[in-house]
Full PDB file with SEQRES, HELIX, SHEET, SSBOND, CRYST1, ORIGX, SCALE, CONECT and MASTER records, all heavy atoms in Angstrom:
SEQRES   1 A   32  HIS ILE ARG PHE TRP PRO PHE HIS VAL ARG PRO VAL ILE          
SEQRES   2 A   32  ILE HIS LEU HIS LEU VAL ARG ASP PHE GLU LYS VAL THR          
SEQRES   3 A   32  TYR ASN PRO ILE GLY ASP                                      
HELIX    1 AA1 LEU A   16  LEU A   18  5                                   3    
CRYST1    1.000    1.000    1.000  90.00  90.00  90.00 P 1           1          
ORIGX1      1.000000  0.000000  0.000000        0.00000                         
ORIGX2      0.000000  1.000000  0.000000        0.00000                         
ORIGX3      0.000000  0.000000  1.000000        0.00000                         
SCALE1      1.000000  0.000000  0.000000        0.00000                         
SCALE2      0.000000  1.000000  0.000000        0.00000                         
SCALE3      0.000000  0.000000  1.000000        0.00000                         
ATOM      1  N   HIS A   1       0.859  -1.180   0.000  1.00  0.00           N  
ATOM      2  CA  HIS A   1       0.000   0.000   0.000  1.00  0.00           C  
ATOM      3  C   HIS A   1       0.898   1.232   0.000  1.00  0.00           C  
ATOM      4  O   HIS A   1       1.743   1.377   0.887  1.00  0.00           O  
ATOM      5  CB  HIS A   1      -0.891   0.025   1.234  1.00  0.00           C  
ATOM      6  CG  HIS A   1      -1.904  -1.070   1.265  1.00  0.00           C  
ATOM      7  ND1 HIS A   1      -3.221  -0.845   1.529  1.00  0.00           N  
ATOM      8  CD2 HIS A   1      -1.813  -2.392   1.058  1.00  0.00           C  
ATOM      9  CE1 HIS A   1      -3.893  -1.974   1.499  1.00  0.00           C  
ATOM     10  NE2 HIS A   1      -3.043  -2.938   1.208  1.00  0.00           N  
ATOM     11  N   ILE A   2       0.685   2.109  -0.980  1.00  0.00           N  
ATOM     12  CA  ILE A   2       1.458   3.343  -1.076  1.00  0.00           C  
ATOM     13  C   ILE A   2       0.469   4.494  -1.101  1.00  0.00           C  
ATOM     14  O   ILE A   2      -0.461   4.514  -1.906  1.00  0.00           O  
ATOM     15  CB  ILE A   2       2.328   3.370  -2.351  1.00  0.00           C  
ATOM     16  CG1 ILE A   2       3.304   2.207  -2.336  1.00  0.00           C  
ATOM     17  CG2 ILE A   2       3.056   4.694  -2.472  1.00  0.00           C  
ATOM     18  CD1 ILE A   2       4.044   2.023  -3.635  1.00  0.00           C  
ATOM     19  N   ARG A   3       0.712   5.458  -0.218  1.00  0.00           N  
ATOM     20  CA  ARG A   3      -0.174   6.625  -0.170  1.00  0.00           C  
ATOM     21  C   ARG A   3       0.683   7.877  -0.083  1.00  0.00           C  
ATOM     22  O   ARG A   3       1.463   8.039   0.844  1.00  0.00           O  
ATOM     23  CB  ARG A   3      -1.098   6.549   1.031  1.00  0.00           C  
ATOM     24  CG  ARG A   3      -2.098   7.668   1.064  1.00  0.00           C  
ATOM     25  CD  ARG A   3      -3.073   7.466   2.180  1.00  0.00           C  
ATOM     26  NE  ARG A   3      -4.050   8.529   2.166  1.00  0.00           N  
ATOM     27  CZ  ARG A   3      -4.833   8.815   3.178  1.00  0.00           C  
ATOM     28  NH1 ARG A   3      -4.773   8.095   4.280  1.00  0.00           N  
ATOM     29  NH2 ARG A   3      -5.694   9.799   3.099  1.00  0.00           N  
ATOM     30  N   PHE A   4       0.529   8.737  -1.073  1.00  0.00           N  
ATOM     31  CA  PHE A   4       1.256  10.002  -1.110  1.00  0.00           C  
ATOM     32  C   PHE A   4       0.240  11.101  -0.810  1.00  0.00           C  
ATOM     33  O   PHE A   4      -0.457  11.580  -1.687  1.00  0.00           O  
ATOM     34  CB  PHE A   4       1.885  10.211  -2.494  1.00  0.00           C  
ATOM     35  CG  PHE A   4       3.011  11.196  -2.501  1.00  0.00           C  
ATOM     36  CD1 PHE A   4       4.308  10.773  -2.693  1.00  0.00           C  
ATOM     37  CD2 PHE A   4       2.786  12.539  -2.328  1.00  0.00           C  
ATOM     38  CE1 PHE A   4       5.352  11.676  -2.718  1.00  0.00           C  
ATOM     39  CE2 PHE A   4       3.812  13.454  -2.341  1.00  0.00           C  
ATOM     40  CZ  PHE A   4       5.106  13.013  -2.541  1.00  0.00           C  
ATOM     41  N   TRP A   5       0.158  11.445   0.482  1.00  0.00           N  
ATOM     42  CA  TRP A   5      -0.811  12.440   0.929  1.00  0.00           C  
ATOM     43  C   TRP A   5      -0.332  13.820   0.521  1.00  0.00           C  
ATOM     44  O   TRP A   5       0.845  14.101   0.648  1.00  0.00           O  
ATOM     45  CB  TRP A   5      -0.969  12.359   2.453  1.00  0.00           C  
ATOM     46  CG  TRP A   5      -1.874  13.399   2.996  1.00  0.00           C  
ATOM     47  CD1 TRP A   5      -1.521  14.557   3.606  1.00  0.00           C  
ATOM     48  CD2 TRP A   5      -3.303  13.392   2.943  1.00  0.00           C  
ATOM     49  NE1 TRP A   5      -2.618  15.268   3.940  1.00  0.00           N  
ATOM     50  CE2 TRP A   5      -3.734  14.573   3.541  1.00  0.00           C  
ATOM     51  CE3 TRP A   5      -4.252  12.519   2.436  1.00  0.00           C  
ATOM     52  CZ2 TRP A   5      -5.077  14.896   3.652  1.00  0.00           C  
ATOM     53  CZ3 TRP A   5      -5.578  12.837   2.552  1.00  0.00           C  
ATOM     54  CH2 TRP A   5      -5.979  14.009   3.158  1.00  0.00           C  
ATOM     55  N   PRO A   6      -1.119  14.696   0.001  1.00  0.00           N  
ATOM     56  CA  PRO A   6      -2.564  14.744  -0.157  1.00  0.00           C  
ATOM     57  C   PRO A   6      -3.048  14.326  -1.541  1.00  0.00           C  
ATOM     58  O   PRO A   6      -4.219  14.495  -1.856  1.00  0.00           O  
ATOM     59  CB  PRO A   6      -2.872  16.217   0.091  1.00  0.00           C  
ATOM     60  CG  PRO A   6      -1.707  16.932  -0.508  1.00  0.00           C  
ATOM     61  CD  PRO A   6      -0.516  16.025  -0.235  1.00  0.00           C  
ATOM     62  N   PHE A   7      -2.183  13.760  -2.350  1.00  0.00           N  
ATOM     63  CA  PHE A   7      -2.558  13.417  -3.715  1.00  0.00           C  
ATOM     64  C   PHE A   7      -3.345  12.115  -3.809  1.00  0.00           C  
ATOM     65  O   PHE A   7      -4.100  11.922  -4.753  1.00  0.00           O  
ATOM     66  CB  PHE A   7      -1.315  13.361  -4.609  1.00  0.00           C  
ATOM     67  CG  PHE A   7      -0.562  14.654  -4.600  1.00  0.00           C  
ATOM     68  CD1 PHE A   7       0.642  14.769  -3.933  1.00  0.00           C  
ATOM     69  CD2 PHE A   7      -1.075  15.776  -5.222  1.00  0.00           C  
ATOM     70  CE1 PHE A   7       1.320  15.964  -3.899  1.00  0.00           C  
ATOM     71  CE2 PHE A   7      -0.399  16.982  -5.201  1.00  0.00           C  
ATOM     72  CZ  PHE A   7       0.801  17.077  -4.531  1.00  0.00           C  
ATOM     73  N   HIS A   8      -3.133  11.223  -2.877  1.00  0.00           N  
ATOM     74  CA  HIS A   8      -3.889   9.974  -2.838  1.00  0.00           C  
ATOM     75  C   HIS A   8      -4.848  10.010  -1.651  1.00  0.00           C  
ATOM     76  O   HIS A   8      -4.408  10.034  -0.507  1.00  0.00           O  
ATOM     77  CB  HIS A   8      -2.963   8.761  -2.673  1.00  0.00           C  
ATOM     78  CG  HIS A   8      -2.055   8.534  -3.827  1.00  0.00           C  
ATOM     79  ND1 HIS A   8      -0.768   8.090  -3.658  1.00  0.00           N  
ATOM     80  CD2 HIS A   8      -2.233   8.670  -5.154  1.00  0.00           C  
ATOM     81  CE1 HIS A   8      -0.187   7.976  -4.841  1.00  0.00           C  
ATOM     82  NE2 HIS A   8      -1.061   8.330  -5.762  1.00  0.00           N  
ATOM     83  N   VAL A   9      -6.126   9.989  -1.936  1.00  0.00           N  
ATOM     84  CA  VAL A   9      -7.101   9.923  -0.856  1.00  0.00           C  
ATOM     85  C   VAL A   9      -7.096   8.522  -0.264  1.00  0.00           C  
ATOM     86  O   VAL A   9      -7.142   8.345   0.944  1.00  0.00           O  
ATOM     87  CB  VAL A   9      -8.513  10.297  -1.377  1.00  0.00           C  
ATOM     88  CG1 VAL A   9      -9.554  10.165  -0.285  1.00  0.00           C  
ATOM     89  CG2 VAL A   9      -8.501  11.706  -1.939  1.00  0.00           C  
ATOM     90  N   ARG A  10      -7.030   7.536  -1.127  1.00  0.00           N  
ATOM     91  CA  ARG A  10      -6.898   6.137  -0.716  1.00  0.00           C  
ATOM     92  C   ARG A  10      -5.546   5.619  -1.213  1.00  0.00           C  
ATOM     93  O   ARG A  10      -5.047   6.080  -2.229  1.00  0.00           O  
ATOM     94  CB  ARG A  10      -8.020   5.300  -1.311  1.00  0.00           C  
ATOM     95  CG  ARG A  10      -9.343   5.542  -0.613  1.00  0.00           C  
ATOM     96  CD  ARG A  10     -10.413   4.645  -1.159  1.00  0.00           C  
ATOM     97  NE  ARG A  10     -11.246   5.489  -2.016  1.00  0.00           N  
ATOM     98  CZ  ARG A  10     -11.941   5.064  -3.032  1.00  0.00           C  
ATOM     99  NH1 ARG A  10     -11.913   3.804  -3.378  1.00  0.00           N  
ATOM    100  NH2 ARG A  10     -12.665   5.891  -3.738  1.00  0.00           N  
ATOM    101  N   PRO A  11      -4.991   4.646  -0.534  1.00  0.00           N  
ATOM    102  CA  PRO A  11      -3.683   4.148  -0.975  1.00  0.00           C  
ATOM    103  C   PRO A  11      -3.749   3.426  -2.321  1.00  0.00           C  
ATOM    104  O   PRO A  11      -4.771   2.842  -2.677  1.00  0.00           O  
ATOM    105  CB  PRO A  11      -3.263   3.177   0.131  1.00  0.00           C  
ATOM    106  CG  PRO A  11      -4.466   2.912   0.933  1.00  0.00           C  
ATOM    107  CD  PRO A  11      -5.449   3.998   0.685  1.00  0.00           C  
ATOM    108  N   VAL A  12      -2.647   3.494  -3.040  1.00  0.00           N  
ATOM    109  CA  VAL A  12      -2.466   2.708  -4.251  1.00  0.00           C  
ATOM    110  C   VAL A  12      -2.057   1.317  -3.784  1.00  0.00           C  
ATOM    111  O   VAL A  12      -1.106   1.171  -3.010  1.00  0.00           O  
ATOM    112  CB  VAL A  12      -1.372   3.316  -5.152  1.00  0.00           C  
ATOM    113  CG1 VAL A  12      -1.071   2.414  -6.325  1.00  0.00           C  
ATOM    114  CG2 VAL A  12      -1.769   4.708  -5.605  1.00  0.00           C  
ATOM    115  N   ILE A  13      -2.778   0.295  -4.219  1.00  0.00           N  
ATOM    116  CA  ILE A  13      -2.485  -1.067  -3.792  1.00  0.00           C  
ATOM    117  C   ILE A  13      -1.806  -1.806  -4.935  1.00  0.00           C  
ATOM    118  O   ILE A  13      -2.340  -1.864  -6.050  1.00  0.00           O  
ATOM    119  CB  ILE A  13      -3.764  -1.802  -3.349  1.00  0.00           C  
ATOM    120  CG1 ILE A  13      -4.375  -1.075  -2.154  1.00  0.00           C  
ATOM    121  CG2 ILE A  13      -3.450  -3.253  -2.999  1.00  0.00           C  
ATOM    122  CD1 ILE A  13      -5.718  -1.603  -1.721  1.00  0.00           C  
ATOM    123  N   ILE A  14      -0.637  -2.344  -4.649  1.00  0.00           N  
ATOM    124  CA  ILE A  14       0.114  -3.123  -5.629  1.00  0.00           C  
ATOM    125  C   ILE A  14       0.034  -4.576  -5.197  1.00  0.00           C  
ATOM    126  O   ILE A  14       0.526  -4.934  -4.122  1.00  0.00           O  
ATOM    127  CB  ILE A  14       1.569  -2.655  -5.709  1.00  0.00           C  
ATOM    128  CG1 ILE A  14       1.609  -1.194  -6.137  1.00  0.00           C  
ATOM    129  CG2 ILE A  14       2.375  -3.529  -6.649  1.00  0.00           C  
ATOM    130  CD1 ILE A  14       2.842  -0.470  -5.757  1.00  0.00           C  
ATOM    131  N   HIS A  15      -0.604  -5.383  -5.999  1.00  0.00           N  
ATOM    132  CA  HIS A  15      -0.724  -6.805  -5.702  1.00  0.00           C  
ATOM    133  C   HIS A  15       0.572  -7.496  -6.122  1.00  0.00           C  
ATOM    134  O   HIS A  15       1.000  -7.387  -7.268  1.00  0.00           O  
ATOM    135  CB  HIS A  15      -1.933  -7.401  -6.420  1.00  0.00           C  
ATOM    136  CG  HIS A  15      -3.221  -6.776  -5.965  1.00  0.00           C  
ATOM    137  ND1 HIS A  15      -3.809  -7.097  -4.774  1.00  0.00           N  
ATOM    138  CD2 HIS A  15      -4.003  -5.826  -6.531  1.00  0.00           C  
ATOM    139  CE1 HIS A  15      -4.907  -6.384  -4.624  1.00  0.00           C  
ATOM    140  NE2 HIS A  15      -5.052  -5.598  -5.684  1.00  0.00           N  
ATOM    141  N   LEU A  16       1.162  -8.202  -5.194  1.00  0.00           N  
ATOM    142  CA  LEU A  16       2.485  -8.779  -5.439  1.00  0.00           C  
ATOM    143  C   LEU A  16       2.476  -9.956  -6.406  1.00  0.00           C  
ATOM    144  O   LEU A  16       3.526 -10.301  -6.939  1.00  0.00           O  
ATOM    145  CB  LEU A  16       3.137  -9.172  -4.116  1.00  0.00           C  
ATOM    146  CG  LEU A  16       3.521  -7.973  -3.241  1.00  0.00           C  
ATOM    147  CD1 LEU A  16       4.047  -8.434  -1.894  1.00  0.00           C  
ATOM    148  CD2 LEU A  16       4.541  -7.098  -3.943  1.00  0.00           C  
ATOM    149  N   HIS A  17       1.318 -10.542  -6.687  1.00  0.00           N  
ATOM    150  CA  HIS A  17       1.299 -11.619  -7.675  1.00  0.00           C  
ATOM    151  C   HIS A  17       1.520 -11.064  -9.092  1.00  0.00           C  
ATOM    152  O   HIS A  17       1.816 -11.812 -10.013  1.00  0.00           O  
ATOM    153  CB  HIS A  17      -0.004 -12.433  -7.604  1.00  0.00           C  
ATOM    154  CG  HIS A  17      -1.217 -11.688  -8.033  1.00  0.00           C  
ATOM    155  ND1 HIS A  17      -1.927 -10.876  -7.165  1.00  0.00           N  
ATOM    156  CD2 HIS A  17      -1.845 -11.623  -9.223  1.00  0.00           C  
ATOM    157  CE1 HIS A  17      -2.945 -10.347  -7.819  1.00  0.00           C  
ATOM    158  NE2 HIS A  17      -2.918 -10.776  -9.074  1.00  0.00           N  
ATOM    159  N   LEU A  18       1.408  -9.742  -9.243  1.00  0.00           N  
ATOM    160  CA  LEU A  18       1.672  -9.105 -10.534  1.00  0.00           C  
ATOM    161  C   LEU A  18       3.139  -8.700 -10.695  1.00  0.00           C  
ATOM    162  O   LEU A  18       3.547  -8.275 -11.764  1.00  0.00           O  
ATOM    163  CB  LEU A  18       0.784  -7.868 -10.704  1.00  0.00           C  
ATOM    164  CG  LEU A  18      -0.722  -8.106 -10.664  1.00  0.00           C  
ATOM    165  CD1 LEU A  18      -1.465  -6.788 -10.693  1.00  0.00           C  
ATOM    166  CD2 LEU A  18      -1.149  -9.005 -11.813  1.00  0.00           C  
ATOM    167  N   VAL A  19       3.909  -8.819  -9.615  1.00  0.00           N  
ATOM    168  CA  VAL A  19       5.321  -8.427  -9.640  1.00  0.00           C  
ATOM    169  C   VAL A  19       6.160  -9.608 -10.103  1.00  0.00           C  
ATOM    170  O   VAL A  19       6.131 -10.676  -9.510  1.00  0.00           O  
ATOM    171  CB  VAL A  19       5.777  -7.958  -8.240  1.00  0.00           C  
ATOM    172  CG1 VAL A  19       7.270  -7.665  -8.229  1.00  0.00           C  
ATOM    173  CG2 VAL A  19       4.980  -6.739  -7.804  1.00  0.00           C  
ATOM    174  N   ARG A  20       6.874  -9.399 -11.197  1.00  0.00           N  
ATOM    175  CA  ARG A  20       7.741 -10.443 -11.761  1.00  0.00           C  
ATOM    176  C   ARG A  20       8.978 -10.637 -10.909  1.00  0.00           C  
ATOM    177  O   ARG A  20       9.338 -11.739 -10.526  1.00  0.00           O  
ATOM    178  CB  ARG A  20       8.132 -10.057 -13.186  1.00  0.00           C  
ATOM    179  CG  ARG A  20       9.054 -11.026 -13.888  1.00  0.00           C  
ATOM    180  CD  ARG A  20       9.298 -10.655 -15.352  1.00  0.00           C  
ATOM    181  NE  ARG A  20       9.391  -9.230 -15.577  1.00  0.00           N  
ATOM    182  CZ  ARG A  20      10.520  -8.569 -15.799  1.00  0.00           C  
ATOM    183  NH1 ARG A  20      11.665  -9.203 -15.836  1.00  0.00           N  
ATOM    184  NH2 ARG A  20      10.515  -7.262 -15.996  1.00  0.00           N  
ATOM    185  N   ASP A  21       9.680  -9.526 -10.607  1.00  0.00           N  
ATOM    186  CA  ASP A  21      10.827  -9.559  -9.713  1.00  0.00           C  
ATOM    187  C   ASP A  21      11.031  -8.173  -9.115  1.00  0.00           C  
ATOM    188  O   ASP A  21      10.404  -7.204  -9.529  1.00  0.00           O  
ATOM    189  CB  ASP A  21      12.095 -10.072 -10.407  1.00  0.00           C  
ATOM    190  CG  ASP A  21      12.568  -9.178 -11.541  1.00  0.00           C  
ATOM    191  OD1 ASP A  21      12.010  -8.089 -11.722  1.00  0.00           O  
ATOM    192  OD2 ASP A  21      13.503  -9.577 -12.248  1.00  0.00           O  
ATOM    193  N   PHE A  22      11.906  -8.088  -8.135  1.00  0.00           N  
ATOM    194  CA  PHE A  22      12.170  -6.835  -7.447  1.00  0.00           C  
ATOM    195  C   PHE A  22      13.577  -6.866  -6.888  1.00  0.00           C  
ATOM    196  O   PHE A  22      14.150  -7.940  -6.671  1.00  0.00           O  
ATOM    197  CB  PHE A  22      11.135  -6.578  -6.336  1.00  0.00           C  
ATOM    198  CG  PHE A  22      11.029  -7.680  -5.331  1.00  0.00           C  
ATOM    199  CD1 PHE A  22      11.721  -7.602  -4.136  1.00  0.00           C  
ATOM    200  CD2 PHE A  22      10.252  -8.798  -5.576  1.00  0.00           C  
ATOM    201  CE1 PHE A  22      11.635  -8.620  -3.197  1.00  0.00           C  
ATOM    202  CE2 PHE A  22      10.160  -9.819  -4.654  1.00  0.00           C  
ATOM    203  CZ  PHE A  22      10.846  -9.733  -3.463  1.00  0.00           C  
ATOM    204  N   GLU A  23      14.150  -5.676  -6.703  1.00  0.00           N  
ATOM    205  CA  GLU A  23      15.498  -5.592  -6.160  1.00  0.00           C  
ATOM    206  C   GLU A  23      15.699  -4.272  -5.431  1.00  0.00           C  
ATOM    207  O   GLU A  23      15.033  -3.272  -5.735  1.00  0.00           O  
ATOM    208  CB  GLU A  23      16.546  -5.733  -7.261  1.00  0.00           C  
ATOM    209  CG  GLU A  23      16.561  -4.584  -8.250  1.00  0.00           C  
ATOM    210  CD  GLU A  23      17.645  -4.705  -9.308  1.00  0.00           C  
ATOM    211  OE1 GLU A  23      18.726  -5.241  -8.986  1.00  0.00           O  
ATOM    212  OE2 GLU A  23      17.413  -4.261 -10.431  1.00  0.00           O  
ATOM    213  N   LYS A  24      16.597  -4.291  -4.461  1.00  0.00           N  
ATOM    214  CA  LYS A  24      16.995  -3.072  -3.772  1.00  0.00           C  
ATOM    215  C   LYS A  24      17.919  -2.309  -4.721  1.00  0.00           C  
ATOM    216  O   LYS A  24      18.826  -2.905  -5.312  1.00  0.00           O  
ATOM    217  CB  LYS A  24      17.719  -3.403  -2.478  1.00  0.00           C  
ATOM    218  CG  LYS A  24      18.181  -2.179  -1.722  1.00  0.00           C  
ATOM    219  CD  LYS A  24      19.197  -2.568  -0.660  1.00  0.00           C  
ATOM    220  CE  LYS A  24      19.961  -1.389  -0.138  1.00  0.00           C  
ATOM    221  NZ  LYS A  24      20.681  -0.586  -1.081  1.00  0.00           N  
ATOM    222  N   VAL A  25      17.666  -1.016  -4.884  1.00  0.00           N  
ATOM    223  CA  VAL A  25      18.466  -0.221  -5.812  1.00  0.00           C  
ATOM    224  C   VAL A  25      18.910   1.090  -5.175  1.00  0.00           C  
ATOM    225  O   VAL A  25      18.271   1.603  -4.266  1.00  0.00           O  
ATOM    226  CB  VAL A  25      17.682   0.094  -7.116  1.00  0.00           C  
ATOM    227  CG1 VAL A  25      17.401  -1.151  -7.908  1.00  0.00           C  
ATOM    228  CG2 VAL A  25      16.408   0.848  -6.834  1.00  0.00           C  
ATOM    229  N   THR A  26      20.023   1.569  -5.674  1.00  0.00           N  
ATOM    230  CA  THR A  26      20.466   2.932  -5.410  1.00  0.00           C  
ATOM    231  C   THR A  26      20.316   3.660  -6.734  1.00  0.00           C  
ATOM    232  O   THR A  26      20.787   3.184  -7.763  1.00  0.00           O  
ATOM    233  CB  THR A  26      21.927   2.958  -4.927  1.00  0.00           C  
ATOM    234  OG1 THR A  26      22.026   2.179  -3.739  1.00  0.00           O  
ATOM    235  CG2 THR A  26      22.386   4.367  -4.650  1.00  0.00           C  
ATOM    236  N   TYR A  27      19.633   4.782  -6.716  1.00  0.00           N  
ATOM    237  CA  TYR A  27      19.302   5.475  -7.956  1.00  0.00           C  
ATOM    238  C   TYR A  27      19.637   6.957  -7.836  1.00  0.00           C  
ATOM    239  O   TYR A  27      19.932   7.457  -6.754  1.00  0.00           O  
ATOM    240  CB  TYR A  27      17.819   5.282  -8.296  1.00  0.00           C  
ATOM    241  CG  TYR A  27      16.877   5.861  -7.259  1.00  0.00           C  
ATOM    242  CD1 TYR A  27      16.301   7.115  -7.446  1.00  0.00           C  
ATOM    243  CD2 TYR A  27      16.576   5.185  -6.086  1.00  0.00           C  
ATOM    244  CE1 TYR A  27      15.462   7.661  -6.494  1.00  0.00           C  
ATOM    245  CE2 TYR A  27      15.737   5.720  -5.135  1.00  0.00           C  
ATOM    246  CZ  TYR A  27      15.184   6.963  -5.342  1.00  0.00           C  
ATOM    247  OH  TYR A  27      14.355   7.497  -4.392  1.00  0.00           O  
ATOM    248  N   ASN A  28      19.586   7.633  -8.948  1.00  0.00           N  
ATOM    249  CA  ASN A  28      19.803   9.078  -8.995  1.00  0.00           C  
ATOM    250  C   ASN A  28      18.430   9.731  -9.133  1.00  0.00           C  
ATOM    251  O   ASN A  28      17.846   9.693 -10.220  1.00  0.00           O  
ATOM    252  CB  ASN A  28      20.703   9.425 -10.184  1.00  0.00           C  
ATOM    253  CG  ASN A  28      20.973  10.905 -10.293  1.00  0.00           C  
ATOM    254  OD1 ASN A  28      20.300  11.730  -9.697  1.00  0.00           O  
ATOM    255  ND2 ASN A  28      21.978  11.240 -11.084  1.00  0.00           N  
ATOM    256  N   PRO A  29      17.878  10.324  -8.076  1.00  0.00           N  
ATOM    257  CA  PRO A  29      16.516  10.853  -8.144  1.00  0.00           C  
ATOM    258  C   PRO A  29      16.316  11.887  -9.245  1.00  0.00           C  
ATOM    259  O   PRO A  29      15.305  11.849  -9.957  1.00  0.00           O  
ATOM    260  CB  PRO A  29      16.300  11.490  -6.773  1.00  0.00           C  
ATOM    261  CG  PRO A  29      17.309  10.878  -5.881  1.00  0.00           C  
ATOM    262  CD  PRO A  29      18.461  10.507  -6.753  1.00  0.00           C  
ATOM    263  N   ILE A  30      17.263  12.778  -9.412  1.00  0.00           N  
ATOM    264  CA  ILE A  30      17.104  13.819 -10.418  1.00  0.00           C  
ATOM    265  C   ILE A  30      17.401  13.275 -11.814  1.00  0.00           C  
ATOM    266  O   ILE A  30      16.657  13.507 -12.759  1.00  0.00           O  
ATOM    267  CB  ILE A  30      17.993  15.032 -10.087  1.00  0.00           C  
ATOM    268  CG1 ILE A  30      17.488  15.662  -8.784  1.00  0.00           C  
ATOM    269  CG2 ILE A  30      17.985  16.048 -11.218  1.00  0.00           C  
ATOM    270  CD1 ILE A  30      18.334  16.774  -8.241  1.00  0.00           C  
ATOM    271  N   GLY A  31      18.459  12.514 -11.959  1.00  0.00           N  
ATOM    272  CA  GLY A  31      18.829  11.984 -13.266  1.00  0.00           C  
ATOM    273  C   GLY A  31      17.875  10.919 -13.785  1.00  0.00           C  
ATOM    274  O   GLY A  31      17.562  10.882 -14.975  1.00  0.00           O  
ATOM    275  N   ASP A  32      17.400  10.045 -12.900  1.00  0.00           N  
ATOM    276  CA  ASP A  32      16.547   8.942 -13.337  1.00  0.00           C  
ATOM    277  C   ASP A  32      15.069   9.313 -13.405  1.00  0.00           C  
ATOM    278  O   ASP A  32      14.335   8.807 -14.249  1.00  0.00           O  
ATOM    279  CB  ASP A  32      16.715   7.735 -12.407  1.00  0.00           C  
ATOM    280  CG  ASP A  32      18.104   7.133 -12.471  1.00  0.00           C  
ATOM    281  OD1 ASP A  32      18.832   7.407 -13.457  1.00  0.00           O  
ATOM    282  OD2 ASP A  32      18.471   6.399 -11.538  1.00  0.00           O  
TER     283      ASP A  32                                                      
MASTER        0    0    0    1    0    0    0    6  282    1    0    3          
END                                                                             
């Protein structure tokens, strides 16, 4: 469940059965 207040009144729900894979990452917020 991800909720970015005040833009999300209700949380965005991501069902994990739809996730193929995932990894911990270090990223460049401005560049990426």
